[in-house]
């Protein structure tokens, strides 16, 4: 934004003009769809092992801030602390195609499915980058030791 110095205009009026133009620009940005960056690299998100054993599942919203190439900040806004830590750690690995620095929110969904297909140690990961990540796996099944055979 350029600040124009106008002769003969009182500073108070100038300040009101600047604030009004900033409010208009903010409203225009909210009304329009801002293009989100393209993820060029990201590590595969995994289900936190302790959360899996404890049968913790849920949603975590992570606010991601970029410098135009990489994540410079990833802060969980909600969710269980075990899931939030894993989501933040994963988001920090992301790299992007060149873009304007920005901040946006990523939704991580961690799900435990009793009938998950495939290897339970390799979760099913669905990526709808850069806004949605889903990690689904089966819970760890803890059973009593087998009865001794007599």
Protein backbone atom coordinates (compact mmCIF):
# COMPACT_ATOMS: atom_id res chain seq x y z
CA UNK A 1 0.00 0.00 0.00
CA UNK A 2 1.34 3.45 -0.87
CA UNK A 3 0.90 6.36 1.48
CA UNK A 4 0.36 9.64 -0.32
CA UNK A 5 1.27 12.85 1.49
CA UNK A 6 -1.28 15.47 0.57
CA UNK A 7 -0.49 19.13 1.22
CA UNK A 8 -3.01 21.11 3.18
CA UNK A 9 -4.76 18.02 4.59
CA UNK A 10 -4.95 17.73 8.35
CA UNK A 11 -3.18 14.66 9.84
CA UNK A 12 -6.46 13.44 11.38
CA UNK A 13 -8.19 13.40 8.00
CA UNK A 14 -5.19 11.68 6.44
CA UNK A 15 -5.28 9.00 9.17
CA UNK A 16 -9.00 8.43 8.57
CA UNK A 17 -8.34 8.03 4.83
CA UNK A 18 -5.55 5.51 5.47
CA UNK A 19 -7.67 3.47 7.92
CA UNK A 20 -10.64 3.53 5.54
CA UNK A 21 -8.52 2.35 2.62
CA UNK A 22 -7.04 -0.46 4.74
CA UNK A 23 -10.54 -1.55 5.82
CA UNK A 24 -11.69 -1.55 2.19
CA UNK A 25 -8.66 -3.62 1.12
CA UNK A 26 -9.31 -6.10 3.95
CA UNK A 27 -12.98 -6.43 3.01
CA UNK A 28 -12.04 -6.96 -0.64
CA UNK A 29 -9.57 -9.71 0.33
CA UNK A 30 -12.19 -11.46 2.50
CA UNK A 31 -14.72 -11.32 -0.31
CA UNK A 32 -12.35 -12.75 -2.89
CA UNK A 33 -10.76 -16.16 -3.03
CA UNK A 34 -7.04 -15.86 -2.38
CA UNK A 35 -5.07 -18.57 -4.14
CA UNK A 36 -3.42 -20.87 -1.65
CA UNK A 37 0.13 -22.06 -2.32
CA UNK A 38 0.95 -25.34 -4.02
CA UNK A 39 2.67 -27.86 -1.77
CA UNK A 40 5.84 -29.07 -3.49
CA UNK A 41 7.08 -31.33 -0.67
CA UNK A 42 5.65 -32.73 2.56
CA UNK A 43 6.54 -35.63 4.79
CA UNK A 44 3.86 -38.28 5.15
CA UNK A 45 1.82 -37.61 8.29
CA UNK A 46 1.63 -40.55 10.69
CA UNK A 47 -0.75 -41.40 13.49
CA UNK A 48 0.98 -40.72 16.80
CA UNK A 49 1.68 -44.17 18.34
CA UNK A 50 0.67 -43.18 21.87
CA UNK A 51 -2.59 -41.65 20.61
CA UNK A 52 -3.28 -44.85 18.70
CA UNK A 53 -2.72 -47.02 21.79
CA UNK A 54 -4.87 -44.67 23.90
CA UNK A 55 -7.55 -44.68 21.16
CA UNK A 56 -7.47 -40.91 20.78
CA UNK A 57 -8.92 -39.51 17.59
CA UNK A 58 -10.13 -36.09 16.54
CA UNK A 59 -9.63 -32.91 14.56
CA UNK A 60 -6.78 -30.43 14.81
CA UNK A 61 -6.70 -27.03 13.10
CA UNK A 62 -3.18 -25.77 12.46
CA UNK A 63 -2.48 -22.18 11.48
CA UNK A 64 0.36 -22.30 8.96
CA UNK A 65 2.43 -19.21 8.15
CA UNK A 66 4.74 -19.21 5.12
CA UNK A 67 7.60 -17.03 3.92
CA UNK A 68 6.77 -17.66 0.26
CA UNK A 69 8.69 -20.96 0.11
CA UNK A 70 8.58 -22.74 3.48
CA UNK A 71 6.54 -22.92 6.65
CA UNK A 72 7.87 -20.45 9.20
CA UNK A 73 5.17 -21.09 11.76
CA UNK A 74 2.75 -23.90 12.55
CA UNK A 75 0.51 -23.51 15.57
CA UNK A 76 -2.28 -25.87 16.58
CA UNK A 77 -5.43 -23.93 17.42
CA UNK A 78 -7.28 -26.86 19.04
CA UNK A 79 -7.38 -30.63 19.37
CA UNK A 80 -5.87 -33.21 21.71
CA UNK A 81 -2.26 -32.35 22.56
CA UNK A 82 -0.86 -35.64 21.19
CA UNK A 83 -2.60 -35.09 17.86
CA UNK A 84 -1.81 -31.36 17.83
CA UNK A 85 1.91 -31.98 18.31
CA UNK A 86 1.96 -34.49 15.43
CA UNK A 87 0.02 -32.13 13.14
CA UNK A 88 2.34 -29.19 13.89
CA UNK A 89 5.41 -31.36 13.32
CA UNK A 90 4.07 -32.53 9.97
CA UNK A 91 3.07 -29.05 8.79
CA UNK A 92 6.58 -27.74 9.50
CA UNK A 93 7.97 -30.14 6.86
CA UNK A 94 5.98 -28.55 4.02
CA UNK A 95 7.67 -26.68 1.19
CA UNK A 96 5.81 -24.73 -1.47
CA UNK A 97 6.07 -23.47 -5.01
CA UNK A 98 6.96 -19.77 -4.90
CA UNK A 99 4.03 -17.66 -3.67
CA UNK A 100 3.26 -14.53 -1.69
CA UNK A 101 3.90 -15.05 2.04
CA UNK A 102 0.63 -15.84 3.80
CA UNK A 103 -1.15 -17.64 6.60
CA UNK A 104 -3.92 -20.21 6.27
CA UNK A 105 -5.48 -23.01 8.29
CA UNK A 106 -4.98 -26.73 7.69
CA UNK A 107 -7.46 -29.25 9.10
CA UNK A 108 -5.94 -32.54 10.25
CA UNK A 109 -8.39 -35.40 10.92
CA UNK A 110 -7.14 -38.40 12.87
CA UNK A 111 -9.47 -41.41 12.70
CA UNK A 112 -9.37 -44.89 14.19
CA UNK A 113 -11.31 -47.47 12.24
CA UNK A 114 -11.85 -50.95 13.60
CA UNK A 115 -12.06 -52.30 10.06
CA UNK A 116 -9.17 -50.43 8.46
CA UNK A 117 -7.77 -52.11 5.39
CA UNK A 118 -4.11 -52.87 4.82
CA UNK A 119 -1.28 -52.95 7.31
CA UNK A 120 -2.33 -51.40 10.64
CA UNK A 121 1.17 -49.97 11.07
CA UNK A 122 0.83 -48.02 7.80
CA UNK A 123 -2.10 -45.61 8.00
CA UNK A 124 -4.31 -44.60 5.11
CA UNK A 125 -3.46 -40.96 4.41
CA UNK A 126 -5.70 -38.71 2.34
CA UNK A 127 -4.24 -35.36 1.30
CA UNK A 128 -6.27 -32.49 -0.07
CA UNK A 129 -3.41 -30.03 0.13
CA UNK A 130 -2.95 -27.46 1.37
CA UNK A 131 -6.12 -27.39 3.48
CA UNK A 132 -7.05 -30.95 4.51
CA UNK A 133 -5.13 -33.96 5.78
CA UNK A 134 -6.72 -37.18 7.01
CA UNK A 135 -4.85 -40.00 8.74
CA UNK A 136 -6.79 -43.20 9.41
CA UNK A 137 -5.60 -46.46 10.92
CA UNK A 138 -6.83 -49.24 13.15
CA UNK A 139 -6.46 -48.95 16.91
CA UNK A 140 -3.90 -51.07 18.71
CA UNK A 141 -5.68 -54.10 20.10
CA UNK A 142 -4.43 -55.13 23.49
CA UNK A 143 -5.58 -58.54 24.61
CA UNK A 144 -5.02 -60.74 27.61
CA UNK A 145 -2.16 -63.18 27.30
CA UNK A 146 -3.25 -66.60 26.10
CA UNK A 147 -4.35 -69.00 28.80
CA UNK A 148 -1.83 -71.66 29.60
CA UNK A 149 -2.53 -74.96 28.00
CA UNK A 150 -2.77 -77.76 30.55
